[in-house]
């Protein structure tokens, strides 16, 4: 799970930069 959280953090930042609003996860 620790690796999944690292990946989610990266995904969240990348999506924010691309204008995607993550409202649920």
PDBML (XML) file of the C-alpha atoms, coordinates in Angstrom:
<?xml version="1.0" encoding="UTF-8" ?>
<PDBx:datablock datablockName="MODEL"
   xmlns:PDBx="http://pdbml.pdb.org/schema/pdbx-v50.xsd"
   xmlns:xsi="http://www.w3.org/2001/XMLSchema-instance"
   xsi:schemaLocation="http://pdbml.pdb.org/schema/pdbx-v50.xsd pdbx-v50.xsd">
   <PDBx:atom_siteCategory>
      <PDBx:atom_site id="1">
         <PDBx:B_iso_or_equiv>0.00</PDBx:B_iso_or_equiv>
         <PDBx:Cartn_x>0.000</PDBx:Cartn_x>
         <PDBx:Cartn_y>0.000</PDBx:Cartn_y>
         <PDBx:Cartn_z>0.000</PDBx:Cartn_z>
         <PDBx:auth_asym_id>A</PDBx:auth_asym_id>
         <PDBx:auth_atom_id>CA</PDBx:auth_atom_id>
         <PDBx:auth_comp_id>UNK</PDBx:auth_comp_id>
         <PDBx:auth_seq_id>1</PDBx:auth_seq_id>
         <PDBx:group_PDB>ATOM</PDBx:group_PDB>
         <PDBx:label_alt_id xsi:nil="true" />
         <PDBx:label_asym_id>A</PDBx:label_asym_id>
         <PDBx:label_atom_id>CA</PDBx:label_atom_id>
         <PDBx:label_comp_id>UNK</PDBx:label_comp_id>
         <PDBx:label_entity_id>1</PDBx:label_entity_id>
         <PDBx:label_seq_id>1</PDBx:label_seq_id>
         <PDBx:occupancy>1.00</PDBx:occupancy>
         <PDBx:pdbx_PDB_model_num>1</PDBx:pdbx_PDB_model_num>
         <PDBx:type_symbol>C</PDBx:type_symbol>
      </PDBx:atom_site>
      <PDBx:atom_site id="2">
         <PDBx:B_iso_or_equiv>0.00</PDBx:B_iso_or_equiv>
         <PDBx:Cartn_x>2.873</PDBx:Cartn_x>
         <PDBx:Cartn_y>2.372</PDBx:Cartn_y>
         <PDBx:Cartn_z>0.663</PDBx:Cartn_z>
         <PDBx:auth_asym_id>A</PDBx:auth_asym_id>
         <PDBx:auth_atom_id>CA</PDBx:auth_atom_id>
         <PDBx:auth_comp_id>UNK</PDBx:auth_comp_id>
         <PDBx:auth_seq_id>2</PDBx:auth_seq_id>
         <PDBx:group_PDB>ATOM</PDBx:group_PDB>
         <PDBx:label_alt_id xsi:nil="true" />
         <PDBx:label_asym_id>A</PDBx:label_asym_id>
         <PDBx:label_atom_id>CA</PDBx:label_atom_id>
         <PDBx:label_comp_id>UNK</PDBx:label_comp_id>
         <PDBx:label_entity_id>1</PDBx:label_entity_id>
         <PDBx:label_seq_id>2</PDBx:label_seq_id>
         <PDBx:occupancy>1.00</PDBx:occupancy>
         <PDBx:pdbx_PDB_model_num>1</PDBx:pdbx_PDB_model_num>
         <PDBx:type_symbol>C</PDBx:type_symbol>
      </PDBx:atom_site>
      <PDBx:atom_site id="3">
         <PDBx:B_iso_or_equiv>0.00</PDBx:B_iso_or_equiv>
         <PDBx:Cartn_x>3.846</PDBx:Cartn_x>
         <PDBx:Cartn_y>2.082</PDBx:Cartn_y>
         <PDBx:Cartn_z>-3.020</PDBx:Cartn_z>
         <PDBx:auth_asym_id>A</PDBx:auth_asym_id>
         <PDBx:auth_atom_id>CA</PDBx:auth_atom_id>
         <PDBx:auth_comp_id>UNK</PDBx:auth_comp_id>
         <PDBx:auth_seq_id>3</PDBx:auth_seq_id>
         <PDBx:group_PDB>ATOM</PDBx:group_PDB>
         <PDBx:label_alt_id xsi:nil="true" />
         <PDBx:label_asym_id>A</PDBx:label_asym_id>
         <PDBx:label_atom_id>CA</PDBx:label_atom_id>
         <PDBx:label_comp_id>UNK</PDBx:label_comp_id>
         <PDBx:label_entity_id>1</PDBx:label_entity_id>
         <PDBx:label_seq_id>3</PDBx:label_seq_id>
         <PDBx:occupancy>1.00</PDBx:occupancy>
         <PDBx:pdbx_PDB_model_num>1</PDBx:pdbx_PDB_model_num>
         <PDBx:type_symbol>C</PDBx:type_symbol>
      </PDBx:atom_site>
      <PDBx:atom_site id="4">
         <PDBx:B_iso_or_equiv>0.00</PDBx:B_iso_or_equiv>
         <PDBx:Cartn_x>0.250</PDBx:Cartn_x>
         <PDBx:Cartn_y>2.597</PDBx:Cartn_y>
         <PDBx:Cartn_z>-4.132</PDBx:Cartn_z>
         <PDBx:auth_asym_id>A</PDBx:auth_asym_id>
         <PDBx:auth_atom_id>CA</PDBx:auth_atom_id>
         <PDBx:auth_comp_id>UNK</PDBx:auth_comp_id>
         <PDBx:auth_seq_id>4</PDBx:auth_seq_id>
         <PDBx:group_PDB>ATOM</PDBx:group_PDB>
         <PDBx:label_alt_id xsi:nil="true" />
         <PDBx:label_asym_id>A</PDBx:label_asym_id>
         <PDBx:label_atom_id>CA</PDBx:label_atom_id>
         <PDBx:label_comp_id>UNK</PDBx:label_comp_id>
         <PDBx:label_entity_id>1</PDBx:label_entity_id>
         <PDBx:label_seq_id>4</PDBx:label_seq_id>
         <PDBx:occupancy>1.00</PDBx:occupancy>
         <PDBx:pdbx_PDB_model_num>1</PDBx:pdbx_PDB_model_num>
         <PDBx:type_symbol>C</PDBx:type_symbol>
      </PDBx:atom_site>
      <PDBx:atom_site id="5">
         <PDBx:B_iso_or_equiv>0.00</PDBx:B_iso_or_equiv>
         <PDBx:Cartn_x>0.103</PDBx:Cartn_x>
         <PDBx:Cartn_y>5.826</PDBx:Cartn_y>
         <PDBx:Cartn_z>-2.142</PDBx:Cartn_z>
         <PDBx:auth_asym_id>A</PDBx:auth_asym_id>
         <PDBx:auth_atom_id>CA</PDBx:auth_atom_id>
         <PDBx:auth_comp_id>UNK</PDBx:auth_comp_id>
         <PDBx:auth_seq_id>5</PDBx:auth_seq_id>
         <PDBx:group_PDB>ATOM</PDBx:group_PDB>
         <PDBx:label_alt_id xsi:nil="true" />
         <PDBx:label_asym_id>A</PDBx:label_asym_id>
         <PDBx:label_atom_id>CA</PDBx:label_atom_id>
         <PDBx:label_comp_id>UNK</PDBx:label_comp_id>
         <PDBx:label_entity_id>1</PDBx:label_entity_id>
         <PDBx:label_seq_id>5</PDBx:label_seq_id>
         <PDBx:occupancy>1.00</PDBx:occupancy>
         <PDBx:pdbx_PDB_model_num>1</PDBx:pdbx_PDB_model_num>
         <PDBx:type_symbol>C</PDBx:type_symbol>
      </PDBx:atom_site>
      <PDBx:atom_site id="6">
         <PDBx:B_iso_or_equiv>0.00</PDBx:B_iso_or_equiv>
         <PDBx:Cartn_x>3.320</PDBx:Cartn_x>
         <PDBx:Cartn_y>7.002</PDBx:Cartn_y>
         <PDBx:Cartn_z>-3.773</PDBx:Cartn_z>
         <PDBx:auth_asym_id>A</PDBx:auth_asym_id>
         <PDBx:auth_atom_id>CA</PDBx:auth_atom_id>
         <PDBx:auth_comp_id>UNK</PDBx:auth_comp_id>
         <PDBx:auth_seq_id>6</PDBx:auth_seq_id>
         <PDBx:group_PDB>ATOM</PDBx:group_PDB>
         <PDBx:label_alt_id xsi:nil="true" />
         <PDBx:label_asym_id>A</PDBx:label_asym_id>
         <PDBx:label_atom_id>CA</PDBx:label_atom_id>
         <PDBx:label_comp_id>UNK</PDBx:label_comp_id>
         <PDBx:label_entity_id>1</PDBx:label_entity_id>
         <PDBx:label_seq_id>6</PDBx:label_seq_id>
         <PDBx:occupancy>1.00</PDBx:occupancy>
         <PDBx:pdbx_PDB_model_num>1</PDBx:pdbx_PDB_model_num>
         <PDBx:type_symbol>C</PDBx:type_symbol>
      </PDBx:atom_site>
      <PDBx:atom_site id="7">
         <PDBx:B_iso_or_equiv>0.00</PDBx:B_iso_or_equiv>
         <PDBx:Cartn_x>1.795</PDBx:Cartn_x>
         <PDBx:Cartn_y>6.267</PDBx:Cartn_y>
         <PDBx:Cartn_z>-7.168</PDBx:Cartn_z>
         <PDBx:auth_asym_id>A</PDBx:auth_asym_id>
         <PDBx:auth_atom_id>CA</PDBx:auth_atom_id>
         <PDBx:auth_comp_id>UNK</PDBx:auth_comp_id>
         <PDBx:auth_seq_id>7</PDBx:auth_seq_id>
         <PDBx:group_PDB>ATOM</PDBx:group_PDB>
         <PDBx:label_alt_id xsi:nil="true" />
         <PDBx:label_asym_id>A</PDBx:label_asym_id>
         <PDBx:label_atom_id>CA</PDBx:label_atom_id>
         <PDBx:label_comp_id>UNK</PDBx:label_comp_id>
         <PDBx:label_entity_id>1</PDBx:label_entity_id>
         <PDBx:label_seq_id>7</PDBx:label_seq_id>
         <PDBx:occupancy>1.00</PDBx:occupancy>
         <PDBx:pdbx_PDB_model_num>1</PDBx:pdbx_PDB_model_num>
         <PDBx:type_symbol>C</PDBx:type_symbol>
      </PDBx:atom_site>
      <PDBx:atom_site id="8">
         <PDBx:B_iso_or_equiv>0.00</PDBx:B_iso_or_equiv>
         <PDBx:Cartn_x>-1.457</PDBx:Cartn_x>
         <PDBx:Cartn_y>8.013</PDBx:Cartn_y>
         <PDBx:Cartn_z>-6.284</PDBx:Cartn_z>
         <PDBx:auth_asym_id>A</PDBx:auth_asym_id>
         <PDBx:auth_atom_id>CA</PDBx:auth_atom_id>
         <PDBx:auth_comp_id>UNK</PDBx:auth_comp_id>
         <PDBx:auth_seq_id>8</PDBx:auth_seq_id>
         <PDBx:group_PDB>ATOM</PDBx:group_PDB>
         <PDBx:label_alt_id xsi:nil="true" />
         <PDBx:label_asym_id>A</PDBx:label_asym_id>
         <PDBx:label_atom_id>CA</PDBx:label_atom_id>
         <PDBx:label_comp_id>UNK</PDBx:label_comp_id>
         <PDBx:label_entity_id>1</PDBx:label_entity_id>
         <PDBx:label_seq_id>8</PDBx:label_seq_id>
         <PDBx:occupancy>1.00</PDBx:occupancy>
         <PDBx:pdbx_PDB_model_num>1</PDBx:pdbx_PDB_model_num>
         <PDBx:type_symbol>C</PDBx:type_symbol>
      </PDBx:atom_site>
      <PDBx:atom_site id="9">
         <PDBx:B_iso_or_equiv>0.00</PDBx:B_iso_or_equiv>
         <PDBx:Cartn_x>0.436</PDBx:Cartn_x>
         <PDBx:Cartn_y>11.107</PDBx:Cartn_y>
         <PDBx:Cartn_z>-5.223</PDBx:Cartn_z>
         <PDBx:auth_asym_id>A</PDBx:auth_asym_id>
         <PDBx:auth_atom_id>CA</PDBx:auth_atom_id>
         <PDBx:auth_comp_id>UNK</PDBx:auth_comp_id>
         <PDBx:auth_seq_id>9</PDBx:auth_seq_id>
         <PDBx:group_PDB>ATOM</PDBx:group_PDB>
         <PDBx:label_alt_id xsi:nil="true" />
         <PDBx:label_asym_id>A</PDBx:label_asym_id>
         <PDBx:label_atom_id>CA</PDBx:label_atom_id>
         <PDBx:label_comp_id>UNK</PDBx:label_comp_id>
         <PDBx:label_entity_id>1</PDBx:label_entity_id>
         <PDBx:label_seq_id>9</PDBx:label_seq_id>
         <PDBx:occupancy>1.00</PDBx:occupancy>
         <PDBx:pdbx_PDB_model_num>1</PDBx:pdbx_PDB_model_num>
         <PDBx:type_symbol>C</PDBx:type_symbol>
      </PDBx:atom_site>
      <PDBx:atom_site id="10">
         <PDBx:B_iso_or_equiv>0.00</PDBx:B_iso_or_equiv>
         <PDBx:Cartn_x>2.176</PDBx:Cartn_x>
         <PDBx:Cartn_y>11.195</PDBx:Cartn_y>
         <PDBx:Cartn_z>-8.587</PDBx:Cartn_z>
         <PDBx:auth_asym_id>A</PDBx:auth_asym_id>
         <PDBx:auth_atom_id>CA</PDBx:auth_atom_id>
         <PDBx:auth_comp_id>UNK</PDBx:auth_comp_id>
         <PDBx:auth_seq_id>10</PDBx:auth_seq_id>
         <PDBx:group_PDB>ATOM</PDBx:group_PDB>
         <PDBx:label_alt_id xsi:nil="true" />
         <PDBx:label_asym_id>A</PDBx:label_asym_id>
         <PDBx:label_atom_id>CA</PDBx:label_atom_id>
         <PDBx:label_comp_id>UNK</PDBx:label_comp_id>
         <PDBx:label_entity_id>1</PDBx:label_entity_id>
         <PDBx:label_seq_id>10</PDBx:label_seq_id>
         <PDBx:occupancy>1.00</PDBx:occupancy>
         <PDBx:pdbx_PDB_model_num>1</PDBx:pdbx_PDB_model_num>
         <PDBx:type_symbol>C</PDBx:type_symbol>
      </PDBx:atom_site>
      <PDBx:atom_site id="11">
         <PDBx:B_iso_or_equiv>0.00</PDBx:B_iso_or_equiv>
         <PDBx:Cartn_x>-1.083</PDBx:Cartn_x>
         <PDBx:Cartn_y>10.594</PDBx:Cartn_y>
         <PDBx:Cartn_z>-10.473</PDBx:Cartn_z>
         <PDBx:auth_asym_id>A</PDBx:auth_asym_id>
         <PDBx:auth_atom_id>CA</PDBx:auth_atom_id>
         <PDBx:auth_comp_id>UNK</PDBx:auth_comp_id>
         <PDBx:auth_seq_id>11</PDBx:auth_seq_id>
         <PDBx:group_PDB>ATOM</PDBx:group_PDB>
         <PDBx:label_alt_id xsi:nil="true" />
         <PDBx:label_asym_id>A</PDBx:label_asym_id>
         <PDBx:label_atom_id>CA</PDBx:label_atom_id>
         <PDBx:label_comp_id>UNK</PDBx:label_comp_id>
         <PDBx:label_entity_id>1</PDBx:label_entity_id>
         <PDBx:label_seq_id>11</PDBx:label_seq_id>
         <PDBx:occupancy>1.00</PDBx:occupancy>
         <PDBx:pdbx_PDB_model_num>1</PDBx:pdbx_PDB_model_num>
         <PDBx:type_symbol>C</PDBx:type_symbol>
      </PDBx:atom_site>
      <PDBx:atom_site id="12">
         <PDBx:B_iso_or_equiv>0.00</PDBx:B_iso_or_equiv>
         <PDBx:Cartn_x>-2.907</PDBx:Cartn_x>
         <PDBx:Cartn_y>13.318</PDBx:Cartn_y>
         <PDBx:Cartn_z>-8.544</PDBx:Cartn_z>
         <PDBx:auth_asym_id>A</PDBx:auth_asym_id>
         <PDBx:auth_atom_id>CA</PDBx:auth_atom_id>
         <PDBx:auth_comp_id>UNK</PDBx:auth_comp_id>
         <PDBx:auth_seq_id>12</PDBx:auth_seq_id>
         <PDBx:group_PDB>ATOM</PDBx:group_PDB>
         <PDBx:label_alt_id xsi:nil="true" />
         <PDBx:label_asym_id>A</PDBx:label_asym_id>
         <PDBx:label_atom_id>CA</PDBx:label_atom_id>
         <PDBx:label_comp_id>UNK</PDBx:label_comp_id>
         <PDBx:label_entity_id>1</PDBx:label_entity_id>
         <PDBx:label_seq_id>12</PDBx:label_seq_id>
         <PDBx:occupancy>1.00</PDBx:occupancy>
         <PDBx:pdbx_PDB_model_num>1</PDBx:pdbx_PDB_model_num>
         <PDBx:type_symbol>C</PDBx:type_symbol>
      </PDBx:atom_site>
      <PDBx:atom_site id="13">
         <PDBx:B_iso_or_equiv>0.00</PDBx:B_iso_or_equiv>
         <PDBx:Cartn_x>-0.212</PDBx:Cartn_x>
         <PDBx:Cartn_y>15.887</PDBx:Cartn_y>
         <PDBx:Cartn_z>-9.330</PDBx:Cartn_z>
         <PDBx:auth_asym_id>A</PDBx:auth_asym_id>
         <PDBx:auth_atom_id>CA</PDBx:auth_atom_id>
         <PDBx:auth_comp_id>UNK</PDBx:auth_comp_id>
         <PDBx:auth_seq_id>13</PDBx:auth_seq_id>
         <PDBx:group_PDB>ATOM</PDBx:group_PDB>
         <PDBx:label_alt_id xsi:nil="true" />
         <PDBx:label_asym_id>A</PDBx:label_asym_id>
         <PDBx:label_atom_id>CA</PDBx:label_atom_id>
         <PDBx:label_comp_id>UNK</PDBx:label_comp_id>
         <PDBx:label_entity_id>1</PDBx:label_entity_id>
         <PDBx:label_seq_id>13</PDBx:label_seq_id>
         <PDBx:occupancy>1.00</PDBx:occupancy>
         <PDBx:pdbx_PDB_model_num>1</PDBx:pdbx_PDB_model_num>
         <PDBx:type_symbol>C</PDBx:type_symbol>
      </PDBx:atom_site>
      <PDBx:atom_site id="14">
         <PDBx:B_iso_or_equiv>0.00</PDBx:B_iso_or_equiv>
         <PDBx:Cartn_x>-0.123</PDBx:Cartn_x>
         <PDBx:Cartn_y>14.948</PDBx:Cartn_y>
         <PDBx:Cartn_z>-13.001</PDBx:Cartn_z>
         <PDBx:auth_asym_id>A</PDBx:auth_asym_id>
         <PDBx:auth_atom_id>CA</PDBx:auth_atom_id>
         <PDBx:auth_comp_id>UNK</PDBx:auth_comp_id>
         <PDBx:auth_seq_id>14</PDBx:auth_seq_id>
         <PDBx:group_PDB>ATOM</PDBx:group_PDB>
         <PDBx:label_alt_id xsi:nil="true" />
         <PDBx:label_asym_id>A</PDBx:label_asym_id>
         <PDBx:label_atom_id>CA</PDBx:label_atom_id>
         <PDBx:label_comp_id>UNK</PDBx:label_comp_id>
         <PDBx:label_entity_id>1</PDBx:label_entity_id>
         <PDBx:label_seq_id>14</PDBx:label_seq_id>
         <PDBx:occupancy>1.00</PDBx:occupancy>
         <PDBx:pdbx_PDB_model_num>1</PDBx:pdbx_PDB_model_num>
         <PDBx:type_symbol>C</PDBx:type_symbol>
      </PDBx:atom_site>
      <PDBx:atom_site id="15">
         <PDBx:B_iso_or_equiv>0.00</PDBx:B_iso_or_equiv>
         <PDBx:Cartn_x>-3.904</PDBx:Cartn_x>
         <PDBx:Cartn_y>15.139</PDBx:Cartn_y>
         <PDBx:Cartn_z>-13.351</PDBx:Cartn_z>
         <PDBx:auth_asym_id>A</PDBx:auth_asym_id>
         <PDBx:auth_atom_id>CA</PDBx:auth_atom_id>
         <PDBx:auth_comp_id>UNK</PDBx:auth_comp_id>
         <PDBx:auth_seq_id>15</PDBx:auth_seq_id>
         <PDBx:group_PDB>ATOM</PDBx:group_PDB>
         <PDBx:label_alt_id xsi:nil="true" />
         <PDBx:label_asym_id>A</PDBx:label_asym_id>
         <PDBx:label_atom_id>CA</PDBx:label_atom_id>
         <PDBx:label_comp_id>UNK</PDBx:label_comp_id>
         <PDBx:label_entity_id>1</PDBx:label_entity_id>
         <PDBx:label_seq_id>15</PDBx:label_seq_id>
         <PDBx:occupancy>1.00</PDBx:occupancy>
         <PDBx:pdbx_PDB_model_num>1</PDBx:pdbx_PDB_model_num>
         <PDBx:type_symbol>C</PDBx:type_symbol>
      </PDBx:atom_site>
      <PDBx:atom_site id="16">
         <PDBx:B_iso_or_equiv>0.00</PDBx:B_iso_or_equiv>
         <PDBx:Cartn_x>-3.991</PDBx:Cartn_x>
         <PDBx:Cartn_y>18.518</PDBx:Cartn_y>
         <PDBx:Cartn_z>-11.636</PDBx:Cartn_z>
         <PDBx:auth_asym_id>A</PDBx:auth_asym_id>
         <PDBx:auth_atom_id>CA</PDBx:auth_atom_id>
         <PDBx:auth_comp_id>UNK</PDBx:auth_comp_id>
         <PDBx:auth_seq_id>16</PDBx:auth_seq_id>
         <PDBx:group_PDB>ATOM</PDBx:group_PDB>
         <PDBx:label_alt_id xsi:nil="true" />
         <PDBx:label_asym_id>A</PDBx:label_asym_id>
         <PDBx:label_atom_id>CA</PDBx:label_atom_id>
         <PDBx:label_comp_id>UNK</PDBx:label_comp_id>
         <PDBx:label_entity_id>1</PDBx:label_entity_id>
         <PDBx:label_seq_id>16</PDBx:label_seq_id>
         <PDBx:occupancy>1.00</PDBx:occupancy>
         <PDBx:pdbx_PDB_model_num>1</PDBx:pdbx_PDB_model_num>
         <PDBx:type_symbol>C</PDBx:type_symbol>
      </PDBx:atom_site>
      <PDBx:atom_site id="17">
         <PDBx:B_iso_or_equiv>0.00</PDBx:B_iso_or_equiv>
         <PDBx:Cartn_x>-1.428</PDBx:Cartn_x>
         <PDBx:Cartn_y>19.822</PDBx:Cartn_y>
         <PDBx:Cartn_z>-14.100</PDBx:Cartn_z>
         <PDBx:auth_asym_id>A</PDBx:auth_asym_id>
         <PDBx:auth_atom_id>CA</PDBx:auth_atom_id>
         <PDBx:auth_comp_id>UNK</PDBx:auth_comp_id>
         <PDBx:auth_seq_id>17</PDBx:auth_seq_id>
         <PDBx:group_PDB>ATOM</PDBx:group_PDB>
         <PDBx:label_alt_id xsi:nil="true" />
         <PDBx:label_asym_id>A</PDBx:label_asym_id>
         <PDBx:label_atom_id>CA</PDBx:label_atom_id>
         <PDBx:label_comp_id>UNK</PDBx:label_comp_id>
         <PDBx:label_entity_id>1</PDBx:label_entity_id>
         <PDBx:label_seq_id>17</PDBx:label_seq_id>
         <PDBx:occupancy>1.00</PDBx:occupancy>
         <PDBx:pdbx_PDB_model_num>1</PDBx:pdbx_PDB_model_num>
         <PDBx:type_symbol>C</PDBx:type_symbol>
      </PDBx:atom_site>
      <PDBx:atom_site id="18">
         <PDBx:B_iso_or_equiv>0.00</PDBx:B_iso_or_equiv>
         <PDBx:Cartn_x>-3.620</PDBx:Cartn_x>
         <PDBx:Cartn_y>18.565</PDBx:Cartn_y>
         <PDBx:Cartn_z>-16.963</PDBx:Cartn_z>
         <PDBx:auth_asym_id>A</PDBx:auth_asym_id>
         <PDBx:auth_atom_id>CA</PDBx:auth_atom_id>
         <PDBx:auth_comp_id>UNK</PDBx:auth_comp_id>
         <PDBx:auth_seq_id>18</PDBx:auth_seq_id>
         <PDBx:group_PDB>ATOM</PDBx:group_PDB>
         <PDBx:label_alt_id xsi:nil="true" />
         <PDBx:label_asym_id>A</PDBx:label_asym_id>
         <PDBx:label_atom_id>CA</PDBx:label_atom_id>
         <PDBx:label_comp_id>UNK</PDBx:label_comp_id>
         <PDBx:label_entity_id>1</PDBx:label_entity_id>
         <PDBx:label_seq_id>18</PDBx:label_seq_id>
         <PDBx:occupancy>1.00</PDBx:occupancy>
         <PDBx:pdbx_PDB_model_num>1</PDBx:pdbx_PDB_model_num>
         <PDBx:type_symbol>C</PDBx:type_symbol>
      </PDBx:atom_site>
      <PDBx:atom_site id="19">
         <PDBx:B_iso_or_equiv>0.00</PDBx:B_iso_or_equiv>
         <PDBx:Cartn_x>-6.756</PDBx:Cartn_x>
         <PDBx:Cartn_y>20.274</PDBx:Cartn_y>
         <PDBx:Cartn_z>-15.620</PDBx:Cartn_z>
         <PDBx:auth_asym_id>A</PDBx:auth_asym_id>
         <PDBx:auth_atom_id>CA</PDBx:auth_atom_id>
         <PDBx:auth_comp_id>UNK</PDBx:auth_comp_id>
         <PDBx:auth_seq_id>19</PDBx:auth_seq_id>
         <PDBx:group_PDB>ATOM</PDBx:group_PDB>
         <PDBx:label_alt_id xsi:nil="true" />
         <PDBx:label_asym_id>A</PDBx:label_asym_id>
         <PDBx:label_atom_id>CA</PDBx:label_atom_id>
         <PDBx:label_comp_id>UNK</PDBx:label_comp_id>
         <PDBx:label_entity_id>1</PDBx:label_entity_id>
         <PDBx:label_seq_id>19</PDBx:label_seq_id>
         <PDBx:occupancy>1.00</PDBx:occupancy>
         <PDBx:pdbx_PDB_model_num>1</PDBx:pdbx_PDB_model_num>
         <PDBx:type_symbol>C</PDBx:type_symbol>
      </PDBx:atom_site>
      <PDBx:atom_site id="20">
         <PDBx:B_iso_or_equiv>0.00</PDBx:B_iso_or_equiv>
         <PDBx:Cartn_x>-8.510</PDBx:Cartn_x>
         <PDBx:Cartn_y>17.142</PDBx:Cartn_y>
         <PDBx:Cartn_z>-14.312</PDBx:Cartn_z>
         <PDBx:auth_asym_id>A</PDBx:auth_asym_id>
         <PDBx:auth_atom_id>CA</PDBx:auth_atom_id>
         <PDBx:auth_comp_id>UNK</PDBx:auth_comp_id>
         <PDBx:auth_seq_id>20</PDBx:auth_seq_id>
         <PDBx:group_PDB>ATOM</PDBx:group_PDB>
         <PDBx:label_alt_id xsi:nil="true" />
         <PDBx:label_asym_id>A</PDBx:label_asym_id>
         <PDBx:label_atom_id>CA</PDBx:label_atom_id>
         <PDBx:label_comp_id>UNK</PDBx:label_comp_id>
         <PDBx:label_entity_id>1</PDBx:label_entity_id>
         <PDBx:label_seq_id>20</PDBx:label_seq_id>
         <PDBx:occupancy>1.00</PDBx:occupancy>
         <PDBx:pdbx_PDB_model_num>1</PDBx:pdbx_PDB_model_num>
         <PDBx:type_symbol>C</PDBx:type_symbol>
      </PDBx:atom_site>
      <PDBx:atom_site id="21">
         <PDBx:B_iso_or_equiv>0.00</PDBx:B_iso_or_equiv>
         <PDBx:Cartn_x>-10.346</PDBx:Cartn_x>
         <PDBx:Cartn_y>17.707</PDBx:Cartn_y>
         <PDBx:Cartn_z>-11.011</PDBx:Cartn_z>
         <PDBx:auth_asym_id>A</PDBx:auth_asym_id>
         <PDBx:auth_atom_id>CA</PDBx:auth_atom_id>
         <PDBx:auth_comp_id>UNK</PDBx:auth_comp_id>
         <PDBx:auth_seq_id>21</PDBx:auth_seq_id>
         <PDBx:group_PDB>ATOM</PDBx:group_PDB>
         <PDBx:label_alt_id xsi:nil="true" />
         <PDBx:label_asym_id>A</PDBx:label_asym_id>
         <PDBx:label_atom_id>CA</PDBx:label_atom_id>
         <PDBx:label_comp_id>UNK</PDBx:label_comp_id>
         <PDBx:label_entity_id>1</PDBx:label_entity_id>
         <PDBx:label_seq_id>21</PDBx:label_seq_id>
         <PDBx:occupancy>1.00</PDBx:occupancy>
         <PDBx:pdbx_PDB_model_num>1</PDBx:pdbx_PDB_model_num>
         <PDBx:type_symbol>C</PDBx:type_symbol>
      </PDBx:atom_site>
      <PDBx:atom_site id="22">
         <PDBx:B_iso_or_equiv>0.00</PDBx:B_iso_or_equiv>
         <PDBx:Cartn_x>-10.197</PDBx:Cartn_x>
         <PDBx:Cartn_y>14.576</PDBx:Cartn_y>
         <PDBx:Cartn_z>-8.835</PDBx:Cartn_z>
         <PDBx:auth_asym_id>A</PDBx:auth_asym_id>
         <PDBx:auth_atom_id>CA</PDBx:auth_atom_id>
         <PDBx:auth_comp_id>UNK</PDBx:auth_comp_id>
         <PDBx:auth_seq_id>22</PDBx:auth_seq_id>
         <PDBx:group_PDB>ATOM</PDBx:group_PDB>
         <PDBx:label_alt_id xsi:nil="true" />
         <PDBx:label_asym_id>A</PDBx:label_asym_id>
         <PDBx:label_atom_id>CA</PDBx:label_atom_id>
         <PDBx:label_comp_id>UNK</PDBx:label_comp_id>
         <PDBx:label_entity_id>1</PDBx:label_entity_id>
         <PDBx:label_seq_id>22</PDBx:label_seq_id>
         <PDBx:occupancy>1.00</PDBx:occupancy>
         <PDBx:pdbx_PDB_model_num>1</PDBx:pdbx_PDB_model_num>
         <PDBx:type_symbol>C</PDBx:type_symbol>
      </PDBx:atom_site>
      <PDBx:atom_site id="23">
         <PDBx:B_iso_or_equiv>0.00</PDBx:B_iso_or_equiv>
         <PDBx:Cartn_x>-13.261</PDBx:Cartn_x>
         <PDBx:Cartn_y>14.751</PDBx:Cartn_y>
         <PDBx:Cartn_z>-6.585</PDBx:Cartn_z>
         <PDBx:auth_asym_id>A</PDBx:auth_asym_id>
         <PDBx:auth_atom_id>CA</PDBx:auth_atom_id>
         <PDBx:auth_comp_id>UNK</PDBx:auth_comp_id>
         <PDBx:auth_seq_id>23</PDBx:auth_seq_id>
         <PDBx:group_PDB>ATOM</PDBx:group_PDB>
         <PDBx:label_alt_id xsi:nil="true" />
         <PDBx:label_asym_id>A</PDBx:label_asym_id>
         <PDBx:label_atom_id>CA</PDBx:label_atom_id>
         <PDBx:label_comp_id>UNK</PDBx:label_comp_id>
         <PDBx:label_entity_id>1</PDBx:label_entity_id>
         <PDBx:label_seq_id>23</PDBx:label_seq_id>
         <PDBx:occupancy>1.00</PDBx:occupancy>
         <PDBx:pdbx_PDB_model_num>1</PDBx:pdbx_PDB_model_num>
         <PDBx:type_symbol>C</PDBx:type_symbol>
      </PDBx:atom_site>
      <PDBx:atom_site id="24">
         <PDBx:B_iso_or_equiv>0.00</PDBx:B_iso_or_equiv>
         <PDBx:Cartn_x>-13.452</PDBx:Cartn_x>
         <PDBx:Cartn_y>11.121</PDBx:Cartn_y>
         <PDBx:Cartn_z>-5.405</PDBx:Cartn_z>
         <PDBx:auth_asym_id>A</PDBx:auth_asym_id>
         <PDBx:auth_atom_id>CA</PDBx:auth_atom_id>
         <PDBx:auth_comp_id>UNK</PDBx:auth_comp_id>
         <PDBx:auth_seq_id>24</PDBx:auth_seq_id>
         <PDBx:group_PDB>ATOM</PDBx:group_PDB>
         <PDBx:label_alt_id xsi:nil="true" />
         <PDBx:label_asym_id>A</PDBx:label_asym_id>
         <PDBx:label_atom_id>CA</PDBx:label_atom_id>
         <PDBx:label_comp_id>UNK</PDBx:label_comp_id>
         <PDBx:label_entity_id>1</PDBx:label_entity_id>
         <PDBx:label_seq_id>24</PDBx:label_seq_id>
         <PDBx:occupancy>1.00</PDBx:occupancy>
         <PDBx:pdbx_PDB_model_num>1</PDBx:pdbx_PDB_model_num>
         <PDBx:type_symbol>C</PDBx:type_symbol>
      </PDBx:atom_site>
      <PDBx:atom_site id="25">
         <PDBx:B_iso_or_equiv>0.00</PDBx:B_iso_or_equiv>
         <PDBx:Cartn_x>-10.829</PDBx:Cartn_x>
         <PDBx:Cartn_y>8.368</PDBx:Cartn_y>
         <PDBx:Cartn_z>-5.234</PDBx:Cartn_z>
         <PDBx:auth_asym_id>A</PDBx:auth_asym_id>
         <PDBx:auth_atom_id>CA</PDBx:auth_atom_id>
         <PDBx:auth_comp_id>UNK</PDBx:auth_comp_id>
         <PDBx:auth_seq_id>25</PDBx:auth_seq_id>
         <PDBx:group_PDB>ATOM</PDBx:group_PDB>
         <PDBx:label_alt_id xsi:nil="true" />
         <PDBx:label_asym_id>A</PDBx:label_asym_id>
         <PDBx:label_atom_id>CA</PDBx:label_atom_id>
         <PDBx:label_comp_id>UNK</PDBx:label_comp_id>
         <PDBx:label_entity_id>1</PDBx:label_entity_id>
         <PDBx:label_seq_id>25</PDBx:label_seq_id>
         <PDBx:occupancy>1.00</PDBx:occupancy>
         <PDBx:pdbx_PDB_model_num>1</PDBx:pdbx_PDB_model_num>
         <PDBx:type_symbol>C</PDBx:type_symbol>
      </PDBx:atom_site>
   </PDBx:atom_siteCategory>
</PDBx:datablock>
